[in-house]
Protein backbone atom coordinates (compact mmCIF):
# COMPACT_ATOMS: atom_id res chain seq x y z
CA MET A 1 -0.09 0.04 -0.14
CA THR A 2 1.31 3.38 -1.06
CA ALA A 3 0.59 5.95 1.82
CA ASN A 4 -0.16 8.78 -0.88
CA LYS A 5 -2.63 6.85 -2.91
CA ALA A 6 -6.09 6.61 -2.14
CA ILE A 7 -9.56 5.60 -3.53
CA LEU A 8 -12.74 7.30 -1.87
CA VAL A 9 -15.78 5.26 -2.60
CA VAL A 10 -18.75 7.38 -2.29
CA SER A 11 -22.36 6.16 -1.74
CA PHE A 12 -25.79 7.58 -1.25
CA GLY A 13 -25.68 5.48 1.88
CA THR A 14 -28.02 3.39 4.07
CA SER A 15 -29.13 3.25 7.64
CA HIS A 16 -29.53 -0.41 7.57
CA HIS A 17 -26.50 -2.11 8.96
CA GLN A 18 -26.53 -5.52 7.40
CA THR A 19 -27.35 -4.05 4.15
CA ARG A 20 -24.67 -1.71 4.28
CA LYS A 21 -22.18 -4.71 4.96
CA ASP A 22 -23.71 -6.79 2.09
CA THR A 23 -23.71 -4.13 -0.58
CA ILE A 24 -21.58 -1.00 0.25
CA GLU A 25 -18.97 -2.57 2.10
CA ALA A 26 -18.67 -5.37 -0.47
CA ILE A 27 -18.28 -2.92 -3.29
CA GLU A 28 -15.45 -1.38 -1.26
CA GLN A 29 -13.72 -4.65 -0.41
CA ALA A 30 -13.97 -5.71 -4.27
CA ILE A 31 -12.26 -2.23 -5.11
CA ALA A 32 -9.49 -2.78 -2.22
CA ALA A 33 -8.77 -6.48 -3.60
CA ALA A 34 -8.19 -4.78 -7.09
CA TYR A 35 -6.04 -1.92 -5.77
CA PRO A 36 -4.11 -3.24 -2.93
CA GLU A 37 -1.69 -0.35 -3.25
CA ARG A 38 -4.09 2.14 -2.36
CA ILE A 39 -5.77 3.25 0.70
CA ILE A 40 -9.63 2.78 0.49
CA ARG A 41 -11.98 5.38 2.23
CA ARG A 42 -15.60 5.73 2.47
CA ALA A 43 -18.01 8.79 2.09
CA PHE A 44 -22.14 9.05 2.01
CA THR A 45 -23.84 11.89 0.09
CA SER A 46 -27.00 11.50 2.13
CA GLY A 47 -26.81 14.13 5.10
CA MET A 48 -30.05 12.61 6.38
CA ILE A 49 -28.45 9.17 6.62
CA ILE A 50 -25.04 10.45 7.95
CA ARG A 51 -27.00 12.21 10.83
CA LYS A 52 -29.01 9.25 11.72
CA LEU A 53 -25.98 6.99 12.01
CA LYS A 54 -24.20 9.32 13.97
CA GLY A 55 -27.09 9.23 16.46
CA GLU A 56 -26.64 5.66 16.57
CA GLY A 57 -22.75 5.93 17.24
CA VAL A 58 -21.70 5.21 13.46
CA VAL A 59 -19.70 7.86 12.10
CA ILE A 60 -19.35 8.14 8.38
CA ASP A 61 -17.88 11.30 6.56
CA ASP A 62 -19.51 13.21 3.83
CA VAL A 63 -17.32 14.19 0.75
CA ALA A 64 -15.86 17.13 2.19
CA ALA A 65 -14.70 15.68 5.50
CA ALA A 66 -13.36 12.56 3.63
CA MET A 67 -11.45 14.86 1.63
CA GLU A 68 -9.97 16.90 4.36
CA SER A 69 -9.03 13.45 6.20
CA LEU A 70 -7.21 12.15 3.05
CA ILE A 71 -5.26 15.40 2.74
CA ALA A 72 -4.41 15.26 6.33
CA GLU A 73 -2.88 11.71 5.95
CA GLY A 74 -0.81 13.03 3.00
CA VAL A 75 -2.62 11.32 0.13
CA THR A 76 -1.73 13.38 -3.07
CA ASP A 77 -3.11 10.79 -5.62
CA LEU A 78 -7.00 10.26 -5.53
CA ILE A 79 -9.64 8.24 -7.52
CA VAL A 80 -13.21 9.14 -6.24
CA GLN A 81 -15.40 6.20 -7.43
CA PRO A 82 -19.19 6.61 -6.85
CA THR A 83 -21.58 3.58 -6.23
CA HIS A 84 -24.49 5.53 -7.78
CA VAL A 85 -26.67 4.01 -10.30
CA MET A 86 -26.72 6.96 -12.61
CA ASP A 87 -25.45 10.54 -13.34
CA GLY A 88 -28.32 12.00 -11.49
CA PHE A 89 -28.58 14.63 -8.56
CA GLU A 90 -26.53 12.59 -6.08
CA TYR A 91 -23.80 12.25 -8.60
CA GLU A 92 -23.59 15.91 -9.16
CA LYS A 93 -23.75 16.76 -5.43
CA MET A 94 -20.70 14.67 -4.93
CA LYS A 95 -19.15 16.33 -8.00
CA ASP A 96 -19.90 19.79 -6.60
CA GLN A 97 -18.49 18.77 -2.99
CA MET A 98 -15.26 17.49 -4.62
CA GLU A 99 -14.49 20.32 -6.88
CA PRO A 100 -13.10 22.66 -4.35
CA TYR A 101 -10.52 20.01 -3.44
CA ARG A 102 -8.96 19.49 -6.90
CA GLY A 103 -6.02 21.90 -6.42
CA ARG A 104 -5.23 20.18 -3.13
CA PHE A 105 -4.35 16.85 -4.77
CA ALA A 106 -1.47 16.25 -7.32
CA GLN A 107 -4.12 14.23 -9.12
CA ILE A 108 -7.63 13.37 -8.54
CA LYS A 109 -9.85 11.28 -11.09
CA LEU A 110 -13.58 10.62 -10.94
CA GLY A 111 -15.05 7.25 -11.84
CA ALA A 112 -18.44 6.74 -13.53
CA PRO A 113 -21.64 5.43 -11.96
CA LEU A 114 -23.09 2.16 -12.64
CA LEU A 115 -24.89 3.07 -15.75
CA ASP A 116 -22.67 5.14 -17.94
CA SER A 117 -21.73 3.63 -21.43
CA ASP A 118 -23.47 1.23 -23.54
CA GLU A 119 -21.37 -1.45 -22.42
CA ASP A 120 -22.48 -0.92 -19.02
CA TYR A 121 -26.18 -1.23 -20.02
CA ALA A 122 -25.71 -4.54 -22.01
CA GLN A 123 -23.74 -5.67 -18.98
CA VAL A 124 -26.23 -4.91 -16.48
CA ALA A 125 -29.10 -6.10 -18.59
CA ASP A 126 -27.28 -9.66 -18.65
CA ILE A 127 -26.60 -9.36 -14.98
CA LEU A 128 -30.31 -8.70 -14.14
CA ALA A 129 -31.10 -11.85 -16.17
CA SER A 130 -28.33 -14.11 -14.56
CA GLU A 131 -29.22 -13.31 -11.20
CA THR A 132 -32.95 -14.13 -11.60
CA LYS A 133 -32.55 -17.17 -13.73
CA GLU A 134 -34.30 -19.37 -11.19
CA HIS A 135 -37.38 -17.02 -11.67
CA ASP A 136 -37.05 -17.06 -15.66
CA LYS A 137 -40.61 -18.91 -16.50
CA GLU A 138 -43.10 -18.34 -19.05
CA ASP A 139 -45.89 -17.41 -16.40
CA THR A 140 -43.44 -15.05 -14.26
CA ALA A 141 -42.80 -11.38 -14.67
CA ILE A 142 -39.67 -10.09 -13.03
CA VAL A 143 -40.24 -6.47 -12.16
CA TRP A 144 -37.25 -4.18 -11.03
CA MET A 145 -38.18 -1.22 -8.68
CA GLY A 146 -35.51 1.74 -9.14
CA HIS A 147 -35.56 4.95 -7.09
CA GLY A 148 -36.45 7.43 -9.90
CA THR A 149 -35.40 11.07 -10.11
CA GLU A 150 -36.61 14.38 -11.66
CA HIS A 151 -33.27 14.52 -13.11
CA PRO A 152 -32.86 13.90 -16.85
CA ALA A 153 -30.83 10.96 -16.16
CA ASN A 154 -34.05 9.14 -15.22
CA ILE A 155 -34.13 8.10 -18.78
CA ALA A 156 -31.76 5.38 -17.81
CA TYR A 157 -34.55 3.27 -16.56
CA ARG A 158 -36.31 3.09 -19.80
CA LYS A 159 -32.97 2.61 -21.57
CA LEU A 160 -32.20 -0.39 -19.29
CA GLU A 161 -35.24 -2.03 -20.18
CA GLN A 162 -34.83 -1.48 -23.84
CA TYR A 163 -31.39 -3.42 -23.26
CA CYS A 164 -33.32 -6.20 -21.64
CA ARG A 165 -35.42 -6.53 -24.57
CA GLN A 166 -32.93 -6.35 -27.17
CA ALA A 167 -31.14 -9.00 -25.24
CA GLY A 168 -34.21 -11.26 -25.19
CA TYR A 169 -35.13 -10.68 -21.78
CA GLN A 170 -38.97 -10.04 -22.64
CA ARG A 171 -40.54 -10.56 -18.99
CA HIS A 172 -38.35 -8.14 -17.10
CA PHE A 173 -40.05 -4.89 -16.37
CA ILE A 174 -38.34 -1.62 -14.81
CA GLY A 175 -40.36 0.89 -12.85
CA THR A 176 -39.62 3.58 -10.18
CA VAL A 177 -40.86 4.68 -6.82
CA GLU A 178 -40.54 8.51 -7.37
CA ALA A 179 -40.41 9.17 -11.13
CA GLU A 180 -41.35 7.45 -14.62
CA PRO A 181 -42.01 4.63 -15.54
CA ASP A 182 -44.40 4.43 -12.30
CA LEU A 183 -46.01 1.53 -10.75
CA ASP A 184 -49.32 2.13 -12.94
CA GLU A 185 -47.28 1.94 -16.01
CA VAL A 186 -45.54 -1.20 -14.99
CA ALA A 187 -48.44 -2.88 -13.75
CA ALA A 188 -50.33 -2.06 -17.01
CA ALA A 189 -47.32 -3.44 -19.08
CA VAL A 190 -47.37 -6.64 -16.97
CA LYS A 191 -51.11 -7.03 -17.51
CA ALA A 192 -50.61 -6.77 -21.16
CA TYR A 193 -48.17 -9.40 -21.31
CA PRO A 194 -49.93 -12.84 -21.95
CA GLY A 195 -50.00 -15.72 -19.66
CA ILE A 196 -48.25 -13.91 -16.43
CA LYS A 197 -49.57 -15.46 -13.07
CA LYS A 198 -46.54 -14.59 -10.97
CA VAL A 199 -44.54 -11.37 -10.27
CA VAL A 200 -41.17 -11.58 -8.62
CA LEU A 201 -40.28 -7.89 -7.19
CA LEU A 202 -36.48 -6.99 -6.77
CA PRO A 203 -34.84 -3.58 -5.88
CA LEU A 204 -33.03 -2.04 -8.84
CA MET A 205 -30.84 0.03 -6.14
CA ILE A 206 -27.43 -0.80 -4.87
CA VAL A 207 -28.94 -1.40 -1.45
CA ALA A 208 -32.01 -2.98 -0.15
CA GLY A 209 -32.91 -0.23 1.92
CA ASP A 210 -36.18 1.54 3.18
CA HIS A 211 -37.59 1.76 -0.54
CA ALA A 212 -37.16 -1.90 -0.72
CA VAL A 213 -38.41 -2.83 2.38
CA ASN A 214 -41.50 -0.75 2.64
CA ASP A 215 -42.35 0.73 -0.93
CA MET A 216 -41.73 -2.72 -2.58
CA ALA A 217 -42.34 -5.43 -0.25
CA GLY A 218 -44.42 -3.70 2.55
CA ASP A 219 -48.01 -4.64 3.46
CA GLU A 220 -49.28 -1.09 2.98
CA GLU A 221 -52.20 -0.71 0.46
CA ASP A 222 -49.80 1.20 -1.92
CA SER A 223 -46.95 -1.12 -1.80
CA TRP A 224 -45.97 -2.64 -5.10
CA LYS A 225 -46.31 -6.12 -3.33
CA THR A 226 -49.97 -5.30 -2.23
CA VAL A 227 -51.00 -3.61 -5.74
CA PHE A 228 -49.82 -6.76 -7.63
CA GLU A 229 -51.42 -9.09 -5.07
CA GLU A 230 -54.61 -7.37 -5.41
CA ALA A 231 -54.38 -7.60 -9.21
CA GLY A 232 -54.47 -11.31 -8.83
CA TYR A 233 -50.78 -12.40 -8.97
CA GLU A 234 -48.84 -14.41 -6.67
CA VAL A 235 -46.14 -12.39 -5.38
CA GLU A 236 -42.48 -12.77 -4.37
CA CYS A 237 -40.16 -10.28 -3.00
CA VAL A 238 -36.55 -10.67 -3.04
CA LEU A 239 -34.78 -8.11 -0.92
CA LYS A 240 -31.29 -8.01 -2.38
CA GLY A 241 -29.56 -5.02 -3.37
CA MET A 242 -27.50 -4.74 -6.68
CA GLY A 243 -24.30 -4.43 -4.55
CA GLN A 244 -24.76 -8.09 -3.62
CA TYR A 245 -24.33 -9.25 -7.20
CA PRO A 246 -20.61 -10.00 -7.65
CA ALA A 247 -20.95 -8.89 -11.51
CA VAL A 248 -22.12 -5.33 -10.46
CA ARG A 249 -19.08 -4.91 -8.15
CA GLN A 250 -16.80 -5.77 -10.82
CA ILE A 251 -18.41 -3.00 -12.97
CA PHE A 252 -17.42 -0.46 -10.22
CA VAL A 253 -13.96 -2.03 -10.13
CA ARG A 254 -13.87 -1.68 -13.97
CA HIS A 255 -14.90 1.99 -13.81
CA THR A 256 -12.23 2.48 -11.04
CA LYS A 257 -9.50 1.41 -13.49
CA GLU A 258 -10.87 3.47 -16.38
CA ALA A 259 -10.76 6.46 -14.32
CA GLN A 260 -7.09 5.68 -13.37
């Protein structure tokens, strides 16, 4: 390990401790294994999650605090690698927070989010199919729940579904909690597909946090699980964040290499 070289892995964050270990920590460990010569550090972009964890005795830096610590440690060569799904508001927030520090490192490079190039979209489509192959049956729809954003980057969800279709994954459907395609649109698409009797719900998010537990798999009347059950489908929920998929972790490793 070289004392002046580091990688700062930046995530939105989660307050769910086991999920954090299974996803964010697993990504950090994959990057650390690929770059044994570099110090690995963590930062979150969600101030709300940072404050909540601090109240529980868990201290995690925001980007600015992590940068200051790395400078204090004598780091001069830095790669910042996000674990965000796309180049949306959180990615932009991270870039804004790191910008004032560019002149304080001899070299600072920025990695891409999960979905950036055409290669990324094609690879993620294959990963989604591979990770759910046990559910690949003629009567089963595999429905992915993304977060969604008002940022123009939200188009990534429709683009990823197109890549799924082009690769032959016809019964994979992608929707979002807070943008488009919304649950109504996804439910209509599933209904229009002939012969579907079962729906498998999974989070299209790095971590299976509050949205996955409550909005997707909760028992409330407006949860995705309840809506599909009331429409007459058998429903299975898989609470597994994409950070738990080894092949997804390797995309972040590749993006770190490309940034370098």
